[in-house]
Structure formats: structure tokens, C-alpha cells
Amino acid sequence: MSIRMPFTPLHLGPGIALKAGLGDRFSLLAFVLAQVAMDLEPLIGLLSGAPILHGITHTYPAALVIGLAVAVITPPLGRPILRRWNRELTYYRLDRLVRPAILARGPVMLGALSGTLSHVALDSLMHADMQPLSPWSSANGWLGAIPMSALFWGCVLSGVLGAAVWLLRSWFERPGGRHA
């Protein structure tokens, strides 16, 4: 059975776990946008039939640059997303889960950079076309370091457990002062 990590969903598990643990100090929205930004290159490669899907954007130096770019674009893109999120929660009477549309610089930066860097780390474990340390090395020493099933289930379990903790914390926190 071949397990692929297509376009972001499994990458979100560790981000949800980070949100659960770090709370307001971490922007899950920036993390999600970083995951999407990272997978633009493979998407274009798939659509164009490129032989290498995980090229320059899937290196640590490029991940730093992409993370910084995502940190800059997250506030203007994220505020309308958060307003919509909050309207939906309010509509369904889940007011305790509403978050202010405040995107503080520190949490956004942490979310964006951890999103891009973790993306490279996770993809390095499974994609043979990765050269995460390029331009210094063409090697991918992490390829196959853990079984694919362990990678898959680790991402899934971190997401499920993180979501449970995050929702419980959000539900029992006092309203006010929270960030996305």
C-alpha cells in the first residue's frame, strides 16, 4: 500500500498539536497557509508533468523565505477568513470557540516558519526527489528513516489528539484575549 501525503492534509496534524500546546502563541492559520504555499510547486509539477515535484521550494533555505512571505501575507488574507470562521461558529451557537480576528506578529511568524520547515522535514521522510539541504548537499539522509505507516499515523494521531486538546482548552478558557 502506497501512502502519499498529498497537498497538505496530513501535514496539518502536527500544526494542530502545536496549536493545542502553544495556544495563543501559535497561529494555526499561518501554519495552514504555509502548508498550502509549500505545495504549490508540487501541484504545478503534477499539472505540467514535471519529473521532479519537490524541487527548490522543498529545501530548508527556500522554506525560510516562503515562511517569511507567508508571515507577511497572513494578516491581510487571514482577517477575512477569521471573520467568516467566527460568523459560522456564532451561527451554530459555538460562541465559546470564536476567536478575535487579531493576528499578532509573533504567533503568525511562528506558525508560518514552523509550517514551512516542518513541511520540508516531513516530506524528506518520504519523497525520493527531495534535496532538503540543497544547495549544500544533494543528499536526503532522512528518506525512509521511519516507516510510511508510522509517518501517516503520527500525523493523523497528532491532529486528532491536538484537536481534542485545543477544543477542550478553547471551550473552558475564559472568553477574551485569544488570538487565531
N, C-alpha and C. Protein backbone atom coordinates (compact mmCIF):
# COMPACT_ATOMS: atom_id res chain seq x y z
N MET A 1 0.84 -1.18 0.00
CA MET A 1 0.00 0.00 0.00
C MET A 1 0.88 1.24 0.00
N SER A 2 0.68 2.11 -0.94
CA SER A 2 1.47 3.33 -1.04
C SER A 2 0.72 4.47 -0.37
N ILE A 3 1.31 5.04 0.66
CA ILE A 3 0.70 6.17 1.35
C ILE A 3 1.39 7.43 0.86
N ARG A 4 0.62 8.34 0.33
CA ARG A 4 1.15 9.62 -0.14
C ARG A 4 0.66 10.71 0.80
N MET A 5 1.39 11.78 0.89
CA MET A 5 0.98 12.92 1.70
C MET A 5 0.59 14.04 0.75
N PRO A 6 -0.61 13.98 0.16
CA PRO A 6 -0.98 14.92 -0.88
C PRO A 6 -1.45 16.26 -0.33
N PHE A 7 -0.87 17.27 -0.84
CA PHE A 7 -1.36 18.63 -0.64
C PHE A 7 -1.92 18.94 0.72
N THR A 8 -1.09 18.85 1.71
CA THR A 8 -1.32 19.47 2.98
C THR A 8 -2.09 18.70 4.05
N PRO A 9 -3.16 17.95 3.79
CA PRO A 9 -3.98 17.49 4.91
C PRO A 9 -3.24 16.79 6.04
N LEU A 10 -2.37 15.87 5.74
CA LEU A 10 -1.68 15.18 6.83
C LEU A 10 -0.63 16.05 7.51
N HIS A 11 -0.13 17.03 6.79
CA HIS A 11 0.82 17.97 7.40
C HIS A 11 0.17 18.78 8.51
N LEU A 12 -1.15 18.89 8.50
CA LEU A 12 -1.84 19.73 9.47
C LEU A 12 -1.86 19.12 10.87
N GLY A 13 -1.73 17.80 10.97
CA GLY A 13 -1.75 17.16 12.28
C GLY A 13 -0.77 17.76 13.26
N PRO A 14 0.51 17.83 12.91
CA PRO A 14 1.46 18.46 13.84
C PRO A 14 1.14 19.92 14.15
N GLY A 15 0.59 20.64 13.18
CA GLY A 15 0.23 22.03 13.42
C GLY A 15 -0.90 22.16 14.43
N ILE A 16 -1.87 21.26 14.34
CA ILE A 16 -2.98 21.27 15.30
C ILE A 16 -2.46 20.94 16.70
N ALA A 17 -1.50 20.01 16.76
CA ALA A 17 -0.90 19.67 18.05
C ALA A 17 -0.13 20.87 18.62
N LEU A 18 0.59 21.59 17.75
CA LEU A 18 1.30 22.80 18.21
C LEU A 18 0.32 23.85 18.72
N LYS A 19 -0.80 24.03 18.03
CA LYS A 19 -1.82 24.98 18.47
C LYS A 19 -2.35 24.58 19.84
N ALA A 20 -2.58 23.30 20.04
CA ALA A 20 -3.08 22.82 21.33
C ALA A 20 -2.09 23.12 22.44
N GLY A 21 -0.81 22.91 22.16
CA GLY A 21 0.21 23.12 23.18
C GLY A 21 0.59 24.57 23.42
N LEU A 22 0.61 25.35 22.35
CA LEU A 22 1.08 26.74 22.46
C LEU A 22 -0.04 27.77 22.56
N GLY A 23 -1.25 27.37 22.23
CA GLY A 23 -2.38 28.28 22.34
C GLY A 23 -2.19 29.56 21.54
N ASP A 24 -2.35 30.70 22.20
CA ASP A 24 -2.29 32.00 21.54
C ASP A 24 -0.90 32.36 21.01
N ARG A 25 0.10 31.64 21.42
CA ARG A 25 1.46 31.94 20.94
C ARG A 25 1.73 31.36 19.55
N PHE A 26 0.75 30.67 18.97
CA PHE A 26 0.92 29.98 17.69
C PHE A 26 -0.29 30.25 16.81
N SER A 27 -0.04 30.66 15.56
CA SER A 27 -1.13 30.88 14.61
C SER A 27 -1.31 29.66 13.73
N LEU A 28 -2.39 28.94 13.96
CA LEU A 28 -2.70 27.78 13.12
C LEU A 28 -3.03 28.24 11.70
N LEU A 29 -3.64 29.38 11.57
CA LEU A 29 -3.97 29.91 10.25
C LEU A 29 -2.70 30.14 9.42
N ALA A 30 -1.67 30.73 10.02
CA ALA A 30 -0.41 30.93 9.31
C ALA A 30 0.23 29.58 8.96
N PHE A 31 0.12 28.62 9.86
CA PHE A 31 0.65 27.29 9.60
C PHE A 31 -0.04 26.66 8.39
N VAL A 32 -1.36 26.78 8.33
CA VAL A 32 -2.13 26.21 7.22
C VAL A 32 -1.76 26.89 5.91
N LEU A 33 -1.69 28.22 5.91
CA LEU A 33 -1.31 28.94 4.70
C LEU A 33 0.10 28.57 4.24
N ALA A 34 0.98 28.33 5.20
CA ALA A 34 2.35 27.90 4.87
C ALA A 34 2.35 26.53 4.19
N GLN A 35 1.50 25.63 4.66
CA GLN A 35 1.41 24.30 4.05
C GLN A 35 0.94 24.41 2.60
N VAL A 36 -0.07 25.23 2.39
CA VAL A 36 -0.59 25.42 1.03
C VAL A 36 0.48 26.03 0.14
N ALA A 37 1.18 27.04 0.64
CA ALA A 37 2.23 27.69 -0.15
C ALA A 37 3.32 26.69 -0.54
N MET A 38 3.67 25.81 0.39
CA MET A 38 4.72 24.82 0.11
C MET A 38 4.31 23.85 -0.99
N ASP A 39 3.04 23.54 -1.06
CA ASP A 39 2.61 22.54 -2.04
C ASP A 39 2.20 23.13 -3.39
N LEU A 40 2.46 24.41 -3.60
CA LEU A 40 2.19 24.99 -4.93
C LEU A 40 3.14 24.40 -5.97
N GLU A 41 4.41 24.24 -5.62
CA GLU A 41 5.38 23.68 -6.57
C GLU A 41 5.00 22.25 -7.00
N PRO A 42 4.71 21.34 -6.06
CA PRO A 42 4.29 20.00 -6.50
C PRO A 42 3.00 20.02 -7.32
N LEU A 43 2.08 20.90 -6.99
CA LEU A 43 0.84 21.00 -7.77
C LEU A 43 1.15 21.40 -9.21
N ILE A 44 1.96 22.42 -9.37
CA ILE A 44 2.34 22.85 -10.72
C ILE A 44 3.09 21.74 -11.44
N GLY A 45 3.95 21.05 -10.72
CA GLY A 45 4.68 19.93 -11.31
C GLY A 45 3.77 18.80 -11.76
N LEU A 46 2.77 18.48 -10.94
CA LEU A 46 1.81 17.44 -11.32
C LEU A 46 1.03 17.85 -12.57
N LEU A 47 0.60 19.10 -12.61
CA LEU A 47 -0.20 19.57 -13.73
C LEU A 47 0.60 19.65 -15.02
N SER A 48 1.89 19.92 -14.89
CA SER A 48 2.74 20.07 -16.09
C SER A 48 3.50 18.79 -16.44
N GLY A 49 3.40 17.76 -15.60
CA GLY A 49 4.11 16.51 -15.87
C GLY A 49 5.59 16.57 -15.57
N ALA A 50 6.00 17.43 -14.64
CA ALA A 50 7.43 17.56 -14.30
C ALA A 50 7.95 16.27 -13.66
N PRO A 51 9.20 15.90 -13.98
CA PRO A 51 9.76 14.68 -13.39
C PRO A 51 10.11 14.84 -11.91
N ILE A 52 10.36 16.07 -11.46
CA ILE A 52 10.67 16.33 -10.06
C ILE A 52 9.59 17.24 -9.51
N LEU A 53 8.90 16.76 -8.49
CA LEU A 53 7.81 17.54 -7.90
C LEU A 53 8.26 18.36 -6.70
N HIS A 54 9.28 17.89 -6.02
CA HIS A 54 9.75 18.55 -4.80
C HIS A 54 11.13 19.13 -5.06
N GLY A 55 11.14 20.26 -5.71
CA GLY A 55 12.39 20.92 -6.09
C GLY A 55 12.83 21.95 -5.09
N ILE A 56 13.17 23.12 -5.60
CA ILE A 56 13.80 24.16 -4.77
C ILE A 56 12.94 24.60 -3.59
N THR A 57 11.63 24.64 -3.76
CA THR A 57 10.80 25.09 -2.63
C THR A 57 10.83 24.11 -1.46
N HIS A 58 11.22 22.90 -1.71
CA HIS A 58 11.28 21.89 -0.65
C HIS A 58 12.70 21.73 -0.12
N THR A 59 13.37 22.86 0.05
CA THR A 59 14.68 22.91 0.71
C THR A 59 14.53 23.81 1.93
N TYR A 60 15.41 23.64 2.91
CA TYR A 60 15.30 24.47 4.11
C TYR A 60 15.53 25.95 3.82
N PRO A 61 16.50 26.32 2.98
CA PRO A 61 16.65 27.76 2.69
C PRO A 61 15.39 28.36 2.05
N ALA A 62 14.80 27.67 1.09
CA ALA A 62 13.59 28.19 0.45
C ALA A 62 12.42 28.19 1.43
N ALA A 63 12.37 27.20 2.30
CA ALA A 63 11.29 27.15 3.29
C ALA A 63 11.34 28.36 4.22
N LEU A 64 12.54 28.82 4.55
CA LEU A 64 12.66 30.03 5.37
C LEU A 64 12.10 31.24 4.64
N VAL A 65 12.43 31.38 3.37
CA VAL A 65 11.95 32.51 2.57
C VAL A 65 10.43 32.44 2.40
N ILE A 66 9.93 31.26 2.09
CA ILE A 66 8.48 31.09 1.92
C ILE A 66 7.77 31.36 3.24
N GLY A 67 8.34 30.90 4.35
CA GLY A 67 7.75 31.16 5.66
C GLY A 67 7.66 32.64 5.97
N LEU A 68 8.70 33.39 5.64
CA LEU A 68 8.67 34.84 5.86
C LEU A 68 7.62 35.50 4.98
N ALA A 69 7.52 35.04 3.73
CA ALA A 69 6.50 35.60 2.83
C ALA A 69 5.09 35.30 3.34
N VAL A 70 4.89 34.10 3.83
CA VAL A 70 3.58 33.73 4.38
C VAL A 70 3.26 34.57 5.61
N ALA A 71 4.27 34.84 6.44
CA ALA A 71 4.05 35.67 7.62
C ALA A 71 3.59 37.08 7.22
N VAL A 72 4.08 37.57 6.10
CA VAL A 72 3.68 38.90 5.63
C VAL A 72 2.26 38.89 5.07
N ILE A 73 1.89 37.84 4.35
CA ILE A 73 0.57 37.83 3.70
C ILE A 73 -0.54 37.29 4.60
N THR A 74 -0.20 36.64 5.70
CA THR A 74 -1.23 36.07 6.56
C THR A 74 -2.19 37.10 7.14
N PRO A 75 -1.74 38.22 7.70
CA PRO A 75 -2.73 39.16 8.25
C PRO A 75 -3.77 39.65 7.23
N PRO A 76 -3.38 40.14 6.05
CA PRO A 76 -4.44 40.60 5.14
C PRO A 76 -5.32 39.46 4.60
N LEU A 77 -4.75 38.28 4.40
CA LEU A 77 -5.56 37.15 3.95
C LEU A 77 -6.36 36.52 5.09
N GLY A 78 -5.79 36.54 6.26
CA GLY A 78 -6.37 35.83 7.38
C GLY A 78 -7.54 36.51 8.06
N ARG A 79 -7.53 37.83 8.10
CA ARG A 79 -8.63 38.51 8.79
C ARG A 79 -9.99 38.16 8.21
N PRO A 80 -10.18 38.22 6.87
CA PRO A 80 -11.50 37.84 6.35
C PRO A 80 -11.83 36.36 6.61
N ILE A 81 -10.83 35.51 6.59
CA ILE A 81 -11.05 34.09 6.88
C ILE A 81 -11.55 33.93 8.31
N LEU A 82 -10.89 34.63 9.25
CA LEU A 82 -11.29 34.54 10.65
C LEU A 82 -12.67 35.14 10.89
N ARG A 83 -12.99 36.24 10.20
CA ARG A 83 -14.33 36.80 10.36
C ARG A 83 -15.39 35.80 9.90
N ARG A 84 -15.14 35.14 8.78
CA ARG A 84 -16.09 34.13 8.28
C ARG A 84 -16.19 32.95 9.26
N TRP A 85 -15.05 32.48 9.74
CA TRP A 85 -14.99 31.40 10.73
C TRP A 85 -15.86 31.76 11.95
N ASN A 86 -15.68 32.98 12.45
CA ASN A 86 -16.42 33.42 13.63
C ASN A 86 -17.92 33.53 13.35
N ARG A 87 -18.31 33.99 12.17
CA ARG A 87 -19.73 34.05 11.81
C ARG A 87 -20.34 32.65 11.81
N GLU A 88 -19.61 31.70 11.23
CA GLU A 88 -20.12 30.32 11.20
C GLU A 88 -20.27 29.75 12.60
N LEU A 89 -19.27 29.97 13.44
CA LEU A 89 -19.35 29.47 14.82
C LEU A 89 -20.51 30.11 15.56
N THR A 90 -20.69 31.41 15.38
CA THR A 90 -21.79 32.10 16.03
C THR A 90 -23.13 31.58 15.53
N TYR A 91 -23.24 31.38 14.25
CA TYR A 91 -24.48 30.86 13.66
C TYR A 91 -24.86 29.52 14.30
N TYR A 92 -23.86 28.68 14.52
CA TYR A 92 -24.11 27.35 15.10
C TYR A 92 -24.05 27.37 16.63
N ARG A 93 -24.08 28.56 17.21
CA ARG A 93 -24.08 28.76 18.66
C ARG A 93 -22.87 28.14 19.35
N LEU A 94 -21.74 28.26 18.71
CA LEU A 94 -20.48 27.78 19.30
C LEU A 94 -19.61 28.99 19.67
N ASP A 95 -20.24 29.96 20.32
CA ASP A 95 -19.58 31.23 20.64
C ASP A 95 -18.31 31.05 21.46
N ARG A 96 -18.23 30.01 22.26
CA ARG A 96 -17.03 29.80 23.09
C ARG A 96 -15.80 29.50 22.23
N LEU A 97 -16.01 29.12 20.98
CA LEU A 97 -14.89 28.81 20.09
C LEU A 97 -14.51 29.98 19.18
N VAL A 98 -15.25 31.09 19.26
CA VAL A 98 -14.96 32.26 18.44
C VAL A 98 -13.60 32.84 18.83
N ARG A 99 -12.84 33.26 17.84
CA ARG A 99 -11.53 33.85 18.05
C ARG A 99 -11.52 35.28 17.51
N PRO A 100 -10.90 36.20 18.22
CA PRO A 100 -10.78 37.55 17.67
C PRO A 100 -9.96 37.53 16.38
N ALA A 101 -10.30 38.41 15.46
CA ALA A 101 -9.57 38.47 14.19
C ALA A 101 -8.29 39.26 14.38
N ILE A 102 -7.54 38.88 15.41
CA ILE A 102 -6.26 39.53 15.72
C ILE A 102 -5.16 38.57 15.32
N LEU A 103 -4.28 39.04 14.47
CA LEU A 103 -3.17 38.20 14.02
C LEU A 103 -1.87 38.87 14.45
N ALA A 104 -1.44 38.54 15.66
CA ALA A 104 -0.23 39.14 16.22
C ALA A 104 1.00 38.63 15.49
N ARG A 105 1.99 39.49 15.39
CA ARG A 105 3.20 39.21 14.61
C ARG A 105 3.95 37.95 15.08
N GLY A 106 4.15 37.78 16.37
CA GLY A 106 4.90 36.63 16.87
C GLY A 106 4.24 35.29 16.56
N PRO A 107 2.97 35.12 16.93
CA PRO A 107 2.30 33.86 16.61
C PRO A 107 2.23 33.58 15.11
N VAL A 108 2.04 34.63 14.31
CA VAL A 108 1.99 34.44 12.86
C VAL A 108 3.35 33.98 12.34
N MET A 109 4.41 34.61 12.81
CA MET A 109 5.76 34.23 12.38
C MET A 109 6.06 32.79 12.79
N LEU A 110 5.73 32.43 14.02
CA LEU A 110 5.98 31.06 14.49
C LEU A 110 5.16 30.06 13.68
N GLY A 111 3.90 30.36 13.40
CA GLY A 111 3.06 29.47 12.62
C GLY A 111 3.57 29.29 11.20
N ALA A 112 3.95 30.40 10.56
CA ALA A 112 4.41 30.34 9.17
C ALA A 112 5.74 29.59 9.06
N LEU A 113 6.70 29.91 9.91
CA LEU A 113 8.01 29.25 9.81
C LEU A 113 7.95 27.79 10.24
N SER A 114 7.20 27.48 11.29
CA SER A 114 7.09 26.07 11.67
C SER A 114 6.34 25.30 10.60
N GLY A 115 5.42 25.96 9.90
CA GLY A 115 4.70 25.31 8.81
C GLY A 115 5.61 24.92 7.66
N THR A 116 6.43 25.86 7.21
CA THR A 116 7.29 25.55 6.06
C THR A 116 8.42 24.60 6.43
N LEU A 117 9.02 24.81 7.59
CA LEU A 117 10.14 23.95 7.98
C LEU A 117 9.68 22.52 8.29
N SER A 118 8.54 22.38 8.95
CA SER A 118 8.03 21.03 9.23
C SER A 118 7.60 20.35 7.94
N HIS A 119 7.15 21.13 6.97
CA HIS A 119 6.76 20.56 5.69
C HIS A 119 7.96 19.89 5.02
N VAL A 120 9.08 20.59 5.01
CA VAL A 120 10.30 20.01 4.43
C VAL A 120 10.72 18.77 5.22
N ALA A 121 10.67 18.86 6.54
CA ALA A 121 11.08 17.73 7.37
C ALA A 121 10.22 16.50 7.10
N LEU A 122 8.89 16.67 7.08
CA LEU A 122 8.00 15.53 6.85
C LEU A 122 8.16 14.96 5.44
N ASP A 123 8.22 15.85 4.45
CA ASP A 123 8.39 15.37 3.07
C ASP A 123 9.73 14.69 2.86
N SER A 124 10.76 15.10 3.61
CA SER A 124 12.08 14.47 3.49
C SER A 124 12.04 13.00 3.87
N LEU A 125 11.11 12.64 4.73
CA LEU A 125 11.00 11.26 5.17
C LEU A 125 10.41 10.34 4.10
N MET A 126 9.76 10.92 3.07
CA MET A 126 9.03 10.05 2.16
C MET A 126 9.22 10.30 0.67
N HIS A 127 9.78 11.42 0.27
CA HIS A 127 9.88 11.71 -1.16
C HIS A 127 11.32 11.60 -1.65
N ALA A 128 11.55 10.71 -2.60
CA ALA A 128 12.89 10.46 -3.11
C ALA A 128 13.44 11.62 -3.93
N ASP A 129 12.58 12.51 -4.40
CA ASP A 129 13.07 13.63 -5.22
C ASP A 129 13.45 14.84 -4.37
N MET A 130 13.48 14.68 -3.08
CA MET A 130 13.82 15.79 -2.17
C MET A 130 15.32 15.93 -1.99
N GLN A 131 15.77 17.19 -1.93
CA GLN A 131 17.14 17.54 -1.57
C GLN A 131 17.05 18.67 -0.55
N PRO A 132 16.65 18.36 0.68
CA PRO A 132 16.32 19.39 1.65
C PRO A 132 17.46 20.32 2.02
N LEU A 133 18.69 19.87 1.87
CA LEU A 133 19.84 20.71 2.24
C LEU A 133 20.50 21.38 1.03
N SER A 134 19.85 21.32 -0.11
CA SER A 134 20.38 21.99 -1.29
C SER A 134 20.42 23.50 -0.99
N PRO A 135 21.43 24.20 -1.38
CA PRO A 135 22.46 23.91 -2.37
C PRO A 135 23.72 23.28 -1.80
N TRP A 136 23.76 22.98 -0.51
CA TRP A 136 24.97 22.46 0.10
C TRP A 136 25.14 20.96 -0.10
N SER A 137 24.02 20.26 -0.23
CA SER A 137 24.08 18.81 -0.39
C SER A 137 22.88 18.34 -1.21
N SER A 138 23.12 17.34 -2.04
CA SER A 138 22.01 16.76 -2.81
C SER A 138 21.45 15.51 -2.12
N ALA A 139 21.99 15.19 -0.96
CA ALA A 139 21.55 14.00 -0.23
C ALA A 139 20.26 14.26 0.53
N ASN A 140 19.52 13.19 0.74
CA ASN A 140 18.34 13.22 1.60
C ASN A 140 18.49 12.08 2.59
N GLY A 141 19.23 12.33 3.65
CA GLY A 141 19.53 11.31 4.64
C GLY A 141 18.34 10.83 5.45
N TRP A 142 17.24 11.56 5.41
CA TRP A 142 16.06 11.18 6.19
C TRP A 142 15.10 10.29 5.43
N LEU A 143 15.32 10.13 4.12
CA LEU A 143 14.40 9.33 3.30
C LEU A 143 14.28 7.91 3.85
N GLY A 144 13.08 7.52 4.18
CA GLY A 144 12.83 6.18 4.70
C GLY A 144 13.27 5.95 6.13
N ALA A 145 13.61 7.02 6.86
CA ALA A 145 14.10 6.86 8.23
C ALA A 145 13.05 6.24 9.15
N ILE A 146 11.79 6.44 8.85
CA ILE A 146 10.72 5.78 9.59
C ILE A 146 9.76 5.18 8.57
N PRO A 147 9.06 4.14 8.96
CA PRO A 147 8.11 3.53 8.02
C PRO A 147 7.01 4.52 7.64
N MET A 148 6.53 4.41 6.40
CA MET A 148 5.48 5.30 5.91
C MET A 148 4.24 5.23 6.79
N SER A 149 3.90 4.04 7.25
CA SER A 149 2.71 3.92 8.09
C SER A 149 2.89 4.68 9.40
N ALA A 150 4.09 4.70 9.96
CA ALA A 150 4.34 5.44 11.19
C ALA A 150 4.23 6.94 10.94
N LEU A 151 4.71 7.40 9.80
CA LEU A 151 4.59 8.81 9.45
C LEU A 151 3.11 9.19 9.31
N PHE A 152 2.38 8.38 8.56
CA PHE A 152 0.95 8.62 8.34
C PHE A 152 0.20 8.67 9.66
N TRP A 153 0.33 7.64 10.47
CA TRP A 153 -0.41 7.58 11.73
C TRP A 153 0.07 8.61 12.74
N GLY A 154 1.34 8.94 12.71
CA GLY A 154 1.85 10.00 13.59
C GLY A 154 1.19 11.33 13.27
N CYS A 155 1.05 11.65 12.00
CA CYS A 155 0.38 12.89 11.60
C CYS A 155 -1.10 12.85 11.95
N VAL A 156 -1.75 11.74 11.69
CA VAL A 156 -3.18 11.62 11.99
C VAL A 156 -3.42 11.72 13.50
N LEU A 157 -2.67 10.97 14.29
CA LEU A 157 -2.87 10.98 15.74
C LEU A 157 -2.53 12.32 16.36
N SER A 158 -1.47 12.97 15.87
CA SER A 158 -1.15 14.30 16.42
C SER A 158 -2.27 15.28 16.12
N GLY A 159 -2.90 15.15 14.96
CA GLY A 159 -4.02 16.02 14.62
C GLY A 159 -5.25 15.75 15.47
N VAL A 160 -5.59 14.47 15.63
CA VAL A 160 -6.78 14.12 16.41
C VAL A 160 -6.61 14.50 17.88
N LEU A 161 -5.47 14.12 18.46
CA LEU A 161 -5.23 14.46 19.87
C LEU A 161 -5.10 15.97 20.06
N GLY A 162 -4.39 16.62 19.13
CA GLY A 162 -4.26 18.07 19.21
C GLY A 162 -5.60 18.77 19.12
N ALA A 163 -6.46 18.31 18.21
CA ALA A 163 -7.78 18.93 18.06
C ALA A 163 -8.60 18.76 19.34
N ALA A 164 -8.52 17.59 19.93
CA ALA A 164 -9.28 17.35 21.16
C ALA A 164 -8.80 18.29 22.28
N VAL A 165 -7.50 18.39 22.45
CA VAL A 165 -6.95 19.27 23.50
C VAL A 165 -7.28 20.73 23.19
N TRP A 166 -7.11 21.13 21.94
CA TRP A 166 -7.37 22.51 21.54
C TRP A 166 -8.83 22.88 21.77
N LEU A 167 -9.74 22.00 21.37
CA LEU A 167 -11.16 22.28 21.57
C LEU A 167 -11.52 22.34 23.06
N LEU A 168 -10.98 21.42 23.84
CA LEU A 168 -11.25 21.45 25.28
C LEU A 168 -10.71 22.72 25.92
N ARG A 169 -9.48 23.10 25.56
CA ARG A 169 -8.90 24.34 26.09
C ARG A 169 -9.73 25.54 25.67
N SER A 170 -10.13 25.58 24.40
CA SER A 170 -10.93 26.70 23.90
C SER A 170 -12.27 26.76 24.61
N TRP A 171 -12.87 25.63 24.86
CA TRP A 171 -14.19 25.58 25.47
C TRP A 171 -14.15 26.05 26.92
N PHE A 172 -13.08 25.69 27.65
CA PHE A 172 -13.02 26.00 29.06
C PHE A 172 -12.26 27.27 29.40
N GLU A 173 -11.59 27.88 28.43
CA GLU A 173 -10.91 29.16 28.68
C GLU A 173 -11.94 30.25 28.90
N ARG A 174 -11.52 31.27 29.61
CA ARG A 174 -12.39 32.44 29.73
C ARG A 174 -12.35 33.20 28.42
N PRO A 175 -13.48 33.70 27.95
CA PRO A 175 -13.51 34.46 26.71
C PRO A 175 -12.65 35.72 26.79
N GLY A 176 -12.14 36.12 25.62
CA GLY A 176 -11.36 37.36 25.53
C GLY A 176 -9.88 37.11 25.52
N GLY A 177 -9.15 37.90 24.77
CA GLY A 177 -7.70 37.87 24.76
C GLY A 177 -7.08 36.77 23.96
N ARG A 178 -7.86 36.04 23.18
CA ARG A 178 -7.30 34.93 22.41
C ARG A 178 -6.97 35.39 21.01
N HIS A 179 -6.00 34.73 20.42
CA HIS A 179 -5.57 35.03 19.04
C HIS A 179 -5.72 33.80 18.17
N ALA A 180 -5.86 34.02 16.86
CA ALA A 180 -6.01 32.90 15.93
C ALA A 180 -4.72 32.18 15.70
